[in-house]
PDB file of N, CA and C in Angstrom:
ATOM      1  N   MET A   1       0.656  -0.989  -0.164  1.00  0.00           N
ATOM      2  CA  MET A   1      -0.316  -0.703  -0.262  1.00  0.00           C
ATOM      3  C   MET A   1       0.865   1.043   0.351  1.00  0.00           C
ATOM      4  N   LYS A   2       2.056   1.071   0.418  1.00  0.00           N
ATOM      5  CA  LYS A   2       3.203   2.300   1.032  1.00  0.00           C
ATOM      6  C   LYS A   2       3.350   2.658  -1.042  1.00  0.00           C
ATOM      7  N   THR A   3       3.683   1.548  -1.326  1.00  0.00           N
ATOM      8  CA  THR A   3       4.488   2.172  -2.889  1.00  0.00           C
ATOM      9  C   THR A   3       3.236   2.474  -3.890  1.00  0.00           C
ATOM     10  N   SER A   4       2.339   1.835  -3.474  1.00  0.00           N
ATOM     11  CA  SER A   4       0.798   2.266  -4.564  1.00  0.00           C
ATOM     12  C   SER A   4       0.841   4.130  -3.516  1.00  0.00           C
ATOM     13  N   PHE A   5       0.629   4.469  -2.816  1.00  0.00           N
ATOM     14  CA  PHE A   5       1.137   5.970  -2.559  1.00  0.00           C
ATOM     15  C   PHE A   5       2.206   6.659  -2.816  1.00  0.00           C
ATOM     16  N   GLN A   6       3.063   6.284  -3.018  1.00  0.00           N
ATOM     17  CA  GLN A   6       4.309   6.626  -3.370  1.00  0.00           C
ATOM     18  C   GLN A   6       4.047   7.002  -4.870  1.00  0.00           C
ATOM     19  N   ARG A   7       3.603   5.918  -5.880  1.00  0.00           N
ATOM     20  CA  ARG A   7       3.188   6.111  -7.020  1.00  0.00           C
ATOM     21  C   ARG A   7       2.310   7.476  -7.321  1.00  0.00           C
ATOM     22  N   ILE A   8       1.505   7.228  -6.597  1.00  0.00           N
ATOM     23  CA  ILE A   8       0.679   8.302  -6.984  1.00  0.00           C
ATOM     24  C   ILE A   8       0.826  10.093  -6.082  1.00  0.00           C
ATOM     25  N   ALA A   9       1.890   9.986  -5.305  1.00  0.00           N
ATOM     26  CA  ALA A   9       2.451  11.527  -5.189  1.00  0.00           C
ATOM     27  C   ALA A   9       3.518  11.412  -6.461  1.00  0.00           C
ATOM     28  N   LEU A  10       3.823  10.752  -6.421  1.00  0.00           N
ATOM     29  CA  LEU A  10       5.215  10.987  -7.642  1.00  0.00           C
ATOM     30  C   LEU A  10       4.135  11.345  -8.827  1.00  0.00           C
ATOM     31  N   LEU A  11       3.273  10.543  -9.121  1.00  0.00           N
ATOM     32  CA  LEU A  11       2.697  11.097 -10.870  1.00  0.00           C
ATOM     33  C   LEU A  11       1.969  12.923 -10.237  1.00  0.00           C
ATOM     34  N   LEU A  12       1.535  13.181  -9.363  1.00  0.00           N
ATOM     35  CA  LEU A  12       0.929  14.622  -8.705  1.00  0.00           C
ATOM     36  C   LEU A  12       1.633  15.258  -8.581  1.00  0.00           C
ATOM     37  N   LEU A  13       3.202  15.229  -8.308  1.00  0.00           N
ATOM     38  CA  LEU A  13       4.160  15.869  -8.588  1.00  0.00           C
ATOM     39  C   LEU A  13       4.915  16.043  -9.858  1.00  0.00           C
ATOM     40  N   ALA A  14       4.954  14.927 -10.606  1.00  0.00           N
ATOM     41  CA  ALA A  14       5.131  15.215 -12.019  1.00  0.00           C
ATOM     42  C   ALA A  14       4.474  15.856 -12.799  1.00  0.00           C
ATOM     43  N   SER A  15       3.150  15.478 -12.565  1.00  0.00           N
ATOM     44  CA  SER A  15       2.501  16.714 -13.342  1.00  0.00           C
ATOM     45  C   SER A  15       2.055  18.022 -13.079  1.00  0.00           C
ATOM     46  N   ALA A  16       2.274  18.388 -11.653  1.00  0.00           N
ATOM     47  CA  ALA A  16       2.270  19.768 -11.266  1.00  0.00           C
ATOM     48  C   ALA A  16       3.534  20.797 -12.179  1.00  0.00           C
ATOM     49  N   VAL A  17       5.074  19.945 -11.997  1.00  0.00           N
ATOM     50  CA  VAL A  17       6.016  20.797 -12.172  1.00  0.00           C
ATOM     51  C   VAL A  17       6.002  20.878 -13.817  1.00  0.00           C
ATOM     52  N   TRP A  18       5.192  19.745 -14.329  1.00  0.00           N
ATOM     53  CA  TRP A  18       4.619  19.589 -15.987  1.00  0.00           C
ATOM     54  C   TRP A  18       4.149  20.768 -16.107  1.00  0.00           C
ATOM     55  N   THR A  19       3.102  21.020 -15.709  1.00  0.00           N
ATOM     56  CA  THR A  19       1.913  22.549 -15.877  1.00  0.00           C
ATOM     57  C   THR A  19       3.232  23.613 -15.640  1.00  0.00           C
ATOM     58  N   LEU A  20       3.628  23.628 -14.761  1.00  0.00           N
ATOM     59  CA  LEU A  20       4.306  24.966 -14.514  1.00  0.00           C
ATOM     60  C   LEU A  20       5.259  25.221 -15.482  1.00  0.00           C
ATOM     61  N   VAL A  21       5.992  24.124 -16.127  1.00  0.00           N
ATOM     62  CA  VAL A  21       7.179  24.693 -16.842  1.00  0.00           C
ATOM     63  C   VAL A  21       6.156  24.977 -18.560  1.00  0.00           C
ATOM     64  N   GLY A  22       5.547  24.168 -18.547  1.00  0.00           N
ATOM     65  CA  GLY A  22       4.389  24.116 -19.434  1.00  0.00           C
ATOM     66  C   GLY A  22       3.600  25.599 -19.919  1.00  0.00           C
ATOM     67  N   THR A  23       3.671  26.137 -18.781  1.00  0.00           N
ATOM     68  CA  THR A  23       2.377  27.606 -18.536  1.00  0.00           C
ATOM     69  C   THR A  23       3.655  28.815 -18.515  1.00  0.00           C
ATOM     70  N   SER A  24       4.768  28.241 -18.025  1.00  0.00           N
ATOM     71  CA  SER A  24       5.805  29.571 -18.001  1.00  0.00           C
ATOM     72  C   SER A  24       6.187  29.182 -19.389  1.00  0.00           C
ATOM     73  N   CYS A  25       6.566  28.852 -20.152  1.00  0.00           N
ATOM     74  CA  CYS A  25       6.747  29.042 -21.512  1.00  0.00           C
ATOM     75  C   CYS A  25       6.141  29.456 -22.251  1.00  0.00           C
ATOM     76  N   ARG A  26       4.993  29.679 -22.350  1.00  0.00           N
ATOM     77  CA  ARG A  26       4.054  30.019 -22.901  1.00  0.00           C
ATOM     78  C   ARG A  26       3.994  31.642 -22.151  1.00  0.00           C
ATOM     79  N   THR A  27       4.172  31.828 -21.469  1.00  0.00           N
ATOM     80  CA  THR A  27       3.877  33.211 -20.707  1.00  0.00           C
ATOM     81  C   THR A  27       5.482  33.953 -21.135  1.00  0.00           C
ATOM     82  N   VAL A  28       6.376  32.878 -21.133  1.00  0.00           N
ATOM     83  CA  VAL A  28       7.590  33.811 -21.558  1.00  0.00           C
ATOM     84  C   VAL A  28       7.454  34.032 -23.058  1.00  0.00           C
ATOM     85  N   ARG A  29       6.711  33.297 -23.840  1.00  0.00           N
ATOM     86  CA  ARG A  29       6.994  33.776 -25.604  1.00  0.00           C
ATOM     87  C   ARG A  29       5.884  34.874 -25.318  1.00  0.00           C
ATOM     88  N   GLY A  30       4.839  34.833 -24.914  1.00  0.00           N
ATOM     89  CA  GLY A  30       3.742  35.817 -25.409  1.00  0.00           C
ATOM     90  C   GLY A  30       4.263  37.291 -24.337  1.00  0.00           C
ATOM     91  N   PHE A  31       5.318  37.422 -23.433  1.00  0.00           N
ATOM     92  CA  PHE A  31       6.245  38.290 -23.303  1.00  0.00           C
ATOM     93  C   PHE A  31       6.886  39.003 -24.096  1.00  0.00           C
ATOM     94  N   GLY A  32       7.582  38.272 -24.522  1.00  0.00           N
ATOM     95  CA  GLY A  32       8.546  38.685 -25.970  1.00  0.00           C
ATOM     96  C   GLY A  32       7.921  38.965 -27.198  1.00  0.00           C
ATOM     97  N   GLN A  33       6.445  38.564 -27.344  1.00  0.00           N
ATOM     98  CA  GLN A  33       6.058  38.872 -28.743  1.00  0.00           C
ATOM     99  C   GLN A  33       5.326  40.084 -28.280  1.00  0.00           C
ATOM    100  N   ASP A  34       4.922  40.901 -26.893  1.00  0.00           N
ATOM    101  CA  ASP A  34       4.603  41.843 -26.203  1.00  0.00           C
ATOM    102  C   ASP A  34       5.707  43.105 -26.565  1.00  0.00           C
ATOM    103  N   VAL A  35       6.715  42.753 -25.986  1.00  0.00           N
ATOM    104  CA  VAL A  35       8.094  43.175 -25.921  1.00  0.00           C
ATOM    105  C   VAL A  35       8.646  43.888 -27.709  1.00  0.00           C
ATOM    106  N   GLU A  36       8.475  43.041 -28.206  1.00  0.00           N
ATOM    107  CA  GLU A  36       9.198  42.804 -29.984  1.00  0.00           C
ATOM    108  C   GLU A  36       6.795  44.377 -30.761  1.00  0.00           C
ATOM    109  N   HIS A  37       6.281  43.972 -29.963  1.00  0.00           N
ATOM    110  CA  HIS A  37       4.957  44.913 -30.527  1.00  0.00           C
ATOM    111  C   HIS A  37       5.327  46.033 -30.045  1.00  0.00           C
ATOM    112  N   VAL A  38       5.737  46.034 -29.133  1.00  0.00           N
ATOM    113  CA  VAL A  38       6.042  47.863 -27.988  1.00  0.00           C
ATOM    114  C   VAL A  38       7.228  48.321 -29.032  1.00  0.00           C
ATOM    115  N   GLY A  39       7.910  47.728 -29.463  1.00  0.00           N
ATOM    116  CA  GLY A  39       9.291  47.719 -29.856  1.00  0.00           C
ATOM    117  C   GLY A  39       9.024  48.697 -31.450  1.00  0.00           C
ATOM    118  N   GLY A  40       8.490  47.756 -31.980  1.00  0.00           N
ATOM    119  CA  GLY A  40       7.417  48.463 -33.413  1.00  0.00           C
ATOM    120  C   GLY A  40       7.095  49.704 -32.914  1.00  0.00           C
ATOM    121  N   HIS A  41       6.166  49.770 -32.193  1.00  0.00           N
ATOM    122  CA  HIS A  41       5.405  50.973 -32.171  1.00  0.00           C
ATOM    123  C   HIS A  41       6.832  51.997 -31.708  1.00  0.00           C
ATOM    124  N   ILE A  42       7.227  51.943 -30.958  1.00  0.00           N
ATOM    125  CA  ILE A  42       8.714  52.774 -30.741  1.00  0.00           C
ATOM    126  C   ILE A  42       9.231  53.351 -31.712  1.00  0.00           C
ATOM    127  N   GLU A  43       9.917  52.254 -32.795  1.00  0.00           N
ATOM    128  CA  GLU A  43      10.711  52.460 -33.781  1.00  0.00           C
ATOM    129  C   GLU A  43       9.785  53.463 -34.779  1.00  0.00           C
ATOM    130  N   ASN A  44       8.075  52.708 -34.950  1.00  0.00           N
ATOM    131  CA  ASN A  44       7.595  53.953 -35.984  1.00  0.00           C
ATOM    132  C   ASN A  44       7.487  55.377 -35.619  1.00  0.00           C
ATOM    133  N   ALA A  45       7.180  55.491 -33.899  1.00  0.00           N
ATOM    134  CA  ALA A  45       7.180  57.190 -33.444  1.00  0.00           C
ATOM    135  C   ALA A  45       8.039  57.390 -33.784  1.00  0.00           C
ATOM    136  N   SER A  46       9.870  57.284 -33.909  1.00  0.00           N
ATOM    137  CA  SER A  46      10.878  57.678 -33.606  1.00  0.00           C
ATOM    138  C   SER A  46      11.115  58.033 -35.289  1.00  0.00           C
ATOM    139  N   ARG A  47      10.336  57.814 -36.424  1.00  0.00           N
ATOM    140  CA  ARG A  47      10.537  57.944 -37.977  1.00  0.00           C
ATOM    141  C   ARG A  47      10.116  59.655 -38.368  1.00  0.00           C
TER     142      ARG A  47
END
């Protein structure tokens, strides 16, 4: 019974880590796109 609990705990931990990694990658990509968009506006305003 103890090994069953350990497997479930490990599975939950692995899924939580996977979720955090996947979410942060999308957030960083979105932030980069936002910065690029703002940079384009600044570049156009300086012309």
